[in-house]
C-alpha atoms as a PDB file:
ATOM      1  CA  GLU A   1     176.009 226.890 102.864  1.00  0.00           C
ATOM      2  CA  THR A   2     172.835 225.245 104.212  1.00  0.00           C
ATOM      3  CA  LEU A   3     174.204 221.324 102.829  1.00  0.00           C
ATOM      4  CA  ARG A   4     177.589 223.216 102.858  1.00  0.00           C
ATOM      5  CA  ARG A   5     177.408 223.465 106.931  1.00  0.00           C
ATOM      6  CA  CYS A   6     174.517 220.444 107.804  1.00  0.00           C
ATOM      7  CA  PRO A   7     175.458 217.309 108.662  1.00  0.00           C
ATOM      8  CA  PRO A   8     175.483 215.026 105.825  1.00  0.00           C
ATOM      9  CA  GLN A   9     172.689 212.374 106.915  1.00  0.00           C
ATOM     10  CA  ASP A  10     170.663 215.981 107.348  1.00  0.00           C
ATOM     11  CA  ALA A  11     171.646 216.828 103.683  1.00  0.00           C
ATOM     12  CA  PRO A  12     168.652 214.577 101.810  1.00  0.00           C
ATOM     13  CA  GLN A  13     165.769 215.437 103.179  1.00  0.00           C
ATOM     14  CA  LEU A  14     166.615 219.397 103.204  1.00  0.00           C
ATOM     15  CA  TYR A  15     167.608 218.803  99.702  1.00  0.00           C
ATOM     16  CA  MET A  16     164.513 217.754  99.410  1.00  0.00           C
ATOM     17  CA  GLN A  17     162.373 220.601 100.804  1.00  0.00           C
ATOM     18  CA  MET A  18     164.258 223.078  98.427  1.00  0.00           C
ATOM     19  CA  LEU A  19     163.098 220.365  95.380  1.00  0.00           C
ATOM     20  CA  ALA A  20     159.775 220.874  96.408  1.00  0.00           C
ATOM     21  CA  TYR A  21     160.174 224.225  96.290  1.00  0.00           C
ATOM     22  CA  ALA A  22     161.107 223.892  93.303  1.00  0.00           C
ATOM     23  CA  ALA A  23     157.753 222.163  91.927  1.00  0.00           C
ATOM     24  CA  ASP A  24     157.383 224.915  89.310  1.00  0.00           C
ATOM     25  CA  LEU A  25     160.453 226.529  89.403  1.00  0.00           C
ATOM     26  CA  PRO A  26     162.527 224.352  85.819  1.00  0.00           C
ATOM     27  CA  GLU A  27     165.292 226.947  85.761  1.00  0.00           C
ATOM     28  CA  LEU A  28     165.852 226.676  89.792  1.00  0.00           C
ATOM     29  CA  ARG A  29     165.824 222.960  89.368  1.00  0.00           C
ATOM     30  CA  ARG A  30     167.681 222.885  87.191  1.00  0.00           C
ATOM     31  CA  LEU A  31     170.619 225.310  89.494  1.00  0.00           C
ATOM     32  CA  LEU A  32     170.137 222.923  92.277  1.00  0.00           C
ATOM     33  CA  HIS A  33     170.660 219.973  90.092  1.00  0.00           C
ATOM     34  CA  GLY A  34     174.901 221.522  90.121  1.00  0.00           C
ATOM     35  CA  LEU A  35     174.657 220.957  93.890  1.00  0.00           C
ATOM     36  CA  ALA A  36     173.986 217.319  93.916  1.00  0.00           C
ATOM     37  CA  ARG A  37     176.291 216.651  91.153  1.00  0.00           C
ATOM     38  CA  GLY A  38     178.949 214.818  92.362  1.00  0.00           C
ATOM     39  CA  ARG A  39     177.082 213.567  95.365  1.00  0.00           C
ATOM     40  CA  PRO A  40     175.334 210.401  95.148  1.00  0.00           C
ATOM     41  CA  ALA A  41     172.531 211.083  98.459  1.00  0.00           C
ATOM     42  CA  LEU A  42     171.754 214.453  96.639  1.00  0.00           C
ATOM     43  CA  GLU A  43     171.636 213.007  93.184  1.00  0.00           C
ATOM     44  CA  ILE A  44     168.611 210.050  94.336  1.00  0.00           C
ATOM     45  CA  VAL A  45     166.634 213.119  95.816  1.00  0.00           C
ATOM     46  CA  TYR A  46     167.197 214.575  92.031  1.00  0.00           C
ATOM     47  CA  MET A  47     166.057 211.256  90.086  1.00  0.00           C
ATOM     48  CA  GLU A  48     163.445 211.025  92.919  1.00  0.00           C
ATOM     49  CA  HIS A  49     162.004 213.676  92.928  1.00  0.00           C
ATOM     50  CA  THR A  50     161.841 215.978  89.812  1.00  0.00           C
ATOM     51  CA  PRO A  51     159.752 215.358  86.331  1.00  0.00           C
ATOM     52  CA  PRO A  52     160.827 212.010  84.324  1.00  0.00           C
ATOM     53  CA  ALA A  53     162.858 213.924  81.043  1.00  0.00           C
ATOM     54  CA  GLU A  54     164.566 215.719  83.630  1.00  0.00           C
ATOM     55  CA  ALA A  55     165.822 212.633  86.012  1.00  0.00           C
ATOM     56  CA  LEU A  56     166.531 210.921  82.968  1.00  0.00           C
ATOM     57  CA  LYS A  57     168.959 213.385  81.857  1.00  0.00           C
ATOM     58  CA  ALA A  58     170.836 214.053  85.825  1.00  0.00           C
ATOM     59  CA  ILE A  59     170.379 209.635  85.452  1.00  0.00           C
ATOM     60  CA  ASN A  60     172.769 209.759  81.833  1.00  0.00           C
ATOM     61  CA  ASN A  61     174.465 212.232  82.949  1.00  0.00           C
ATOM     62  CA  VAL A  62     176.191 210.393  86.049  1.00  0.00           C
ATOM     63  CA  LEU A  63     175.845 207.619  83.807  1.00  0.00           C
ATOM     64  CA  GLN A  64     178.646 209.717  81.403  1.00  0.00           C
ATOM     65  CA  THR A  65     180.388 209.882  84.012  1.00  0.00           C
ATOM     66  CA  ASP A  66     180.792 207.442  86.243  1.00  0.00           C
ATOM     67  CA  PRO A  67     179.466 204.474  84.385  1.00  0.00           C
ATOM     68  CA  VAL A  68     180.633 201.701  87.037  1.00  0.00           C
ATOM     69  CA  LEU A  69     178.747 204.376  89.651  1.00  0.00           C
ATOM     70  CA  ALA A  70     181.864 203.961  91.855  1.00  0.00           C
ATOM     71  CA  LEU A  71     180.630 207.150  93.608  1.00  0.00           C
ATOM     72  CA  TYR A  72     177.540 204.908  95.417  1.00  0.00           C
ATOM     73  CA  ASP A  73     177.179 202.488  97.697  1.00  0.00           C
ATOM     74  CA  ASP A  74     175.256 199.395  97.382  1.00  0.00           C
ATOM     75  CA  ALA A  75     172.001 200.733  99.032  1.00  0.00           C
ATOM     76  CA  GLN A  76     172.190 204.004  96.276  1.00  0.00           C
ATOM     77  CA  LYS A  77     173.057 201.811  93.838  1.00  0.00           C
ATOM     78  CA  ASN A  78     169.834 199.948  94.348  1.00  0.00           C
ATOM     79  CA  ALA A  79     168.051 203.644  94.409  1.00  0.00           C
ATOM     80  CA  PHE A  80     169.630 204.663  91.364  1.00  0.00           C
ATOM     81  CA  PHE A  81     168.210 201.515  89.619  1.00  0.00           C
ATOM     82  CA  ARG A  82     165.069 202.046  90.568  1.00  0.00           C
ATOM     83  CA  ALA A  83     164.143 206.473  89.594  1.00  0.00           C
ATOM     84  CA  TRP A  84     165.564 204.773  86.463  1.00  0.00           C
ATOM     85  CA  ALA A  85     162.884 202.942  86.334  1.00  0.00           C
ATOM     86  CA  ALA A  86     160.517 204.316  87.763  1.00  0.00           C
ATOM     87  CA  ASP A  87     160.419 207.463  85.616  1.00  0.00           C
ATOM     88  CA  GLY A  88     160.712 205.150  81.916  1.00  0.00           C
ATOM     89  CA  GLY A  89     163.961 204.126  81.581  1.00  0.00           C
ATOM     90  CA  ALA A  90     163.574 200.418  82.258  1.00  0.00           C
ATOM     91  CA  ASP A  91     163.580 199.228  78.187  1.00  0.00           C
ATOM     92  CA  ASP A  92     167.109 201.723  78.186  1.00  0.00           C
ATOM     93  CA  LEU A  93     168.253 199.556  81.612  1.00  0.00           C
ATOM     94  CA  LEU A  94     167.726 196.621  79.610  1.00  0.00           C
ATOM     95  CA  ARG A  95     169.370 197.620  76.302  1.00  0.00           C
ATOM     96  CA  ARG A  96     172.574 198.116  78.980  1.00  0.00           C
ATOM     97  CA  LEU A  97     172.259 195.734  81.084  1.00  0.00           C
ATOM     98  CA  PRO A  98     174.082 193.369  78.929  1.00  0.00           C
ATOM     99  CA  ALA A  99     177.225 195.821  78.967  1.00  0.00           C
ATOM    100  CA  ASN A 100     177.172 195.714  81.917  1.00  0.00           C
ATOM    101  CA  PRO A 101     177.650 192.698  83.829  1.00  0.00           C
ATOM    102  CA  ALA A 102     178.250 194.549  87.598  1.00  0.00           C
ATOM    103  CA  TRP A 103     174.374 196.260  87.442  1.00  0.00           C
ATOM    104  CA  GLN A 104     173.389 192.480  87.577  1.00  0.00           C
ATOM    105  CA  PRO A 105     172.706 192.091  91.497  1.00  0.00           C
ATOM    106  CA  PHE A 106     171.285 195.344  91.870  1.00  0.00           C
ATOM    107  CA  VAL A 107     169.139 196.371  88.689  1.00  0.00           C
ATOM    108  CA  TRP A 108     167.982 192.834  88.769  1.00  0.00           C
ATOM    109  CA  ARG A 109     164.181 193.248  90.022  1.00  0.00           C
ATOM    110  CA  GLU A 110     164.011 195.980  88.116  1.00  0.00           C
ATOM    111  CA  ALA A 111     165.101 193.830  84.756  1.00  0.00           C
ATOM    112  CA  ALA A 112     162.868 191.245  85.865  1.00  0.00           C
ATOM    113  CA  ALA A 113     159.495 193.660  86.527  1.00  0.00           C
ATOM    114  CA  ALA A 114     160.689 195.198  83.139  1.00  0.00           C
ATOM    115  CA  LEU A 115     160.564 191.259  81.253  1.00  0.00           C
ATOM    116  CA  ALA A 116     157.507 190.374  83.058  1.00  0.00           C
ATOM    117  CA  ALA A 117     155.266 194.059  81.128  1.00  0.00           C
ATOM    118  CA  ARG A 118     156.732 193.309  77.675  1.00  0.00           C
ATOM    119  CA  GLY A 119     155.137 189.646  78.541  1.00  0.00           C
ATOM    120  CA  ASP A 120     158.223 187.676  78.609  1.00  0.00           C
ATOM    121  CA  PHE A 121     157.530 185.743  81.775  1.00  0.00           C
ATOM    122  CA  GLU A 122     159.964 182.955  81.773  1.00  0.00           C
ATOM    123  CA  GLN A 123     162.711 185.254  81.489  1.00  0.00           C
ATOM    124  CA  ALA A 124     161.392 187.420  83.931  1.00  0.00           C
ATOM    125  CA  CYS A 125     161.076 185.323  86.782  1.00  0.00           C
ATOM    126  CA  GLY A 126     164.712 183.439  85.597  1.00  0.00           C
ATOM    127  CA  TRP A 127     166.575 187.045  86.151  1.00  0.00           C
ATOM    128  CA  ALA A 128     164.630 185.927  89.436  1.00  0.00           C
ATOM    129  CA  PHE A 129     165.312 182.705  90.211  1.00  0.00           C
ATOM    130  CA  ARG A 130     169.805 183.603  89.182  1.00  0.00           C
ATOM    131  CA  HIS A 131     169.360 185.616  92.223  1.00  0.00           C
ATOM    132  CA  LEU A 132     166.863 185.649  95.131  1.00  0.00           C
ATOM    133  CA  PRO A 133     168.886 183.560  98.089  1.00  0.00           C
ATOM    134  CA  SER A 134     166.416 180.247  98.323  1.00  0.00           C
ATOM    135  CA  PRO A 135     164.013 180.650 101.792  1.00  0.00           C
ATOM    136  CA  ALA A 136     164.535 178.521 104.682  1.00  0.00           C
ATOM    137  CA  LEU A 137     162.233 175.498 104.627  1.00  0.00           C
ATOM    138  CA  PRO A 138     160.991 173.220 107.483  1.00  0.00           C
ATOM    139  CA  GLU A 139     162.306 169.644 107.240  1.00  0.00           C
ATOM    140  CA  LYS A 140     160.424 167.737 105.216  1.00  0.00           C
ATOM    141  CA  PRO A 141     157.865 164.538 106.962  1.00  0.00           C
ATOM    142  CA  SER A 142     158.423 160.826 106.485  1.00  0.00           C
ATOM    143  CA  ALA A 143     154.789 160.021 106.105  1.00  0.00           C
ATOM    144  CA  ASP A 144     153.493 158.469 102.889  1.00  0.00           C
ATOM    145  CA  ALA A 145     151.590 160.837 100.418  1.00  0.00           C
ATOM    146  CA  ALA A 146     148.079 159.068 101.108  1.00  0.00           C
ATOM    147  CA  LYS A 147     148.824 160.662 105.126  1.00  0.00           C
ATOM    148  CA  LEU A 148     149.444 164.059 104.761  1.00  0.00           C
ATOM    149  CA  ARG A 149     146.711 164.093 102.678  1.00  0.00           C
ATOM    150  CA  ARG A 150     144.865 162.867 105.875  1.00  0.00           C
ATOM    151  CA  ARG A 151     146.075 165.010 108.107  1.00  0.00           C
ATOM    152  CA  LEU A 152     145.829 168.229 105.755  1.00  0.00           C
ATOM    153  CA  ALA A 153     142.469 166.703 105.070  1.00  0.00           C
ATOM    154  CA  SER A 154     141.347 166.994 108.583  1.00  0.00           C
ATOM    155  CA  ARG A 155     143.653 170.366 109.233  1.00  0.00           C
ATOM    156  CA  PRO A 156     144.053 173.284 105.778  1.00  0.00           C
ATOM    157  CA  ASP A 157     145.918 174.864 107.697  1.00  0.00           C
ATOM    158  CA  ASP A 158     149.041 172.296 109.203  1.00  0.00           C
ATOM    159  CA  TYR A 159     151.943 173.568 107.409  1.00  0.00           C
ATOM    160  CA  ALA A 160     154.015 170.668 107.233  1.00  0.00           C
ATOM    161  CA  ALA A 161     152.175 168.074 105.982  1.00  0.00           C
ATOM    162  CA  ALA A 162     150.984 170.684 102.962  1.00  0.00           C
ATOM    163  CA  TYR A 163     154.967 170.884 102.785  1.00  0.00           C
ATOM    164  CA  GLY A 164     155.492 167.612 102.276  1.00  0.00           C
ATOM    165  CA  LEU A 165     152.617 166.867 100.584  1.00  0.00           C
ATOM    166  CA  ALA A 166     153.798 169.590  97.912  1.00  0.00           C
ATOM    167  CA  VAL A 167     157.569 168.472  98.007  1.00  0.00           C
ATOM    168  CA  LEU A 168     155.949 164.313  97.807  1.00  0.00           C
ATOM    169  CA  LEU A 169     154.221 165.195  94.650  1.00  0.00           C
ATOM    170  CA  SER A 170     157.121 167.365  92.604  1.00  0.00           C
ATOM    171  CA  GLU A 171     159.189 163.817  93.719  1.00  0.00           C
ATOM    172  CA  GLN A 172     157.127 161.667  92.001  1.00  0.00           C
ATOM    173  CA  LYS A 173     155.985 163.812  88.743  1.00  0.00           C
ATOM    174  CA  ASP A 174     153.185 165.444  89.653  1.00  0.00           C
ATOM    175  CA  PRO A 175     153.951 169.628  89.077  1.00  0.00           C
ATOM    176  CA  ALA A 176     149.710 169.624  89.049  1.00  0.00           C
ATOM    177  CA  GLY A 177     149.093 167.558  92.195  1.00  0.00           C
ATOM    178  CA  ALA A 178     151.975 170.404  94.099  1.00  0.00           C
ATOM    179  CA  GLN A 179     150.249 173.095  92.155  1.00  0.00           C
ATOM    180  CA  ALA A 180     146.747 172.317  93.842  1.00  0.00           C
ATOM    181  CA  VAL A 181     148.293 171.326  97.201  1.00  0.00           C
ATOM    182  CA  LEU A 182     150.948 174.764  97.333  1.00  0.00           C
ATOM    183  CA  GLN A 183     147.500 176.717  96.028  1.00  0.00           C
ATOM    184  CA  SER A 184     145.226 175.618  99.073  1.00  0.00           C
ATOM    185  CA  ILE A 185     147.825 176.702 100.961  1.00  0.00           C
ATOM    186  CA  THR A 186     149.133 180.333  99.318  1.00  0.00           C
ATOM    187  CA  ALA A 187     145.208 181.214  98.968  1.00  0.00           C
ATOM    188  CA  GLN A 188     144.908 181.328 103.265  1.00  0.00           C
ATOM    189  CA  PRO A 189     145.852 184.347 104.741  1.00  0.00           C
ATOM    190  CA  GLY A 190     149.212 184.405 106.910  1.00  0.00           C
ATOM    191  CA  CYS A 191     150.377 181.550 105.564  1.00  0.00           C
ATOM    192  CA  PRO A 192     154.430 181.147 105.598  1.00  0.00           C
ATOM    193  CA  SER A 193     155.695 182.673 103.014  1.00  0.00           C
ATOM    194  CA  TYR A 194     158.136 180.116 101.494  1.00  0.00           C
ATOM    195  CA  PHE A 195     154.963 178.813 100.563  1.00  0.00           C
ATOM    196  CA  HIS A 196     155.506 181.780  97.569  1.00  0.00           C
ATOM    197  CA  PHE A 197     158.550 180.836  96.560  1.00  0.00           C
ATOM    198  CA  LEU A 198     157.718 176.556  95.609  1.00  0.00           C
ATOM    199  CA  GLU A 199     154.859 177.521  94.641  1.00  0.00           C
ATOM    200  CA  ALA A 200     156.243 179.792  92.096  1.00  0.00           C
ATOM    201  CA  ASP A 201     158.834 177.158  91.798  1.00  0.00           C
ATOM    202  CA  ILE A 202     156.563 174.851  90.543  1.00  0.00           C
ATOM    203  CA  GLU A 203     154.760 176.664  88.202  1.00  0.00           C
ATOM    204  CA  PHE A 204     157.825 177.399  86.798  1.00  0.00           C
ATOM    205  CA  HIS A 205     158.977 174.243  85.520  1.00  0.00           C
ATOM    206  CA  ALA A 206     156.035 172.985  84.630  1.00  0.00           C
ATOM    207  CA  GLY A 207     155.944 175.555  81.958  1.00  0.00           C
ATOM    208  CA  ASP A 208     153.554 177.929  83.297  1.00  0.00           C
ATOM    209  CA  PHE A 209     155.623 181.076  83.582  1.00  0.00           C
ATOM    210  CA  ALA A 210     152.730 184.036  83.911  1.00  0.00           C
ATOM    211  CA  ALA A 211     151.684 181.583  87.133  1.00  0.00           C
ATOM    212  CA  ALA A 212     155.374 181.617  87.965  1.00  0.00           C
ATOM    213  CA  TRP A 213     155.358 185.545  88.484  1.00  0.00           C
ATOM    214  CA  ALA A 214     152.654 186.152  89.226  1.00  0.00           C
ATOM    215  CA  ALA A 215     153.686 183.815  92.632  1.00  0.00           C
ATOM    216  CA  LEU A 216     156.166 185.446  93.296  1.00  0.00           C
ATOM    217  CA  GLN A 217     154.823 188.448  94.008  1.00  0.00           C
ATOM    218  CA  LYS A 218     153.388 187.517  96.874  1.00  0.00           C
ATOM    219  CA  TYR A 219     156.687 186.153  98.053  1.00  0.00           C
ATOM    220  CA  PRO A 220     157.916 189.111 100.585  1.00  0.00           C
ATOM    221  CA  PRO A 221     162.548 188.966 100.509  1.00  0.00           C
ATOM    222  CA  PHE A 222     161.694 190.023  96.594  1.00  0.00           C
ATOM    223  CA  THR A 223     159.245 192.416  96.555  1.00  0.00           C
ATOM    224  CA  SER A 224     160.905 194.051  99.802  1.00  0.00           C
ATOM    225  CA  GLY A 225     164.431 194.853  98.220  1.00  0.00           C
END
């Protein structure tokens, strides 16, 4: 009755409290799940605050009745797939994903993480690069490599020089040189986040997929989505 009467925005918090009271009462949780059916905001709370086996059962019930998640808005779809992966369903998610391409915009982070967990860093990075927006980049300085190196030697935090030198070396087919420049910058606290993206991109195209994946872990648009 409380859930029926309360404002919709308050229902998830109230429902979470109910689940907390039922922490040691699986039969009561089963009854509480009945209150969440057809209500995505409550279903997600249930998935996030119940034991994995119960959460996965709820997830599969949703997929049977609403496989395209038509009742879910975009934020709820993201939360649904996060819960699915967190509750031990990552392998099942990967298995079903080819038959459900409409899921991709909401599940690519979980798919990439699951592939990385298997050691398939190439495919994991591929998912990330396909879906991550490219960062806004500064204008490349017009100076030659020697001048940029001198600038960087005198000021290791000269981000414009570092960016220009890394791009120039990459264009000159010197990925190792570009990697060294970017690594010296990304080791500095507070460097602009686009350097992590550039480092990942150069490592990926150099064939060091594990290093590319490690660089992506430091890129906020990837980790905070």
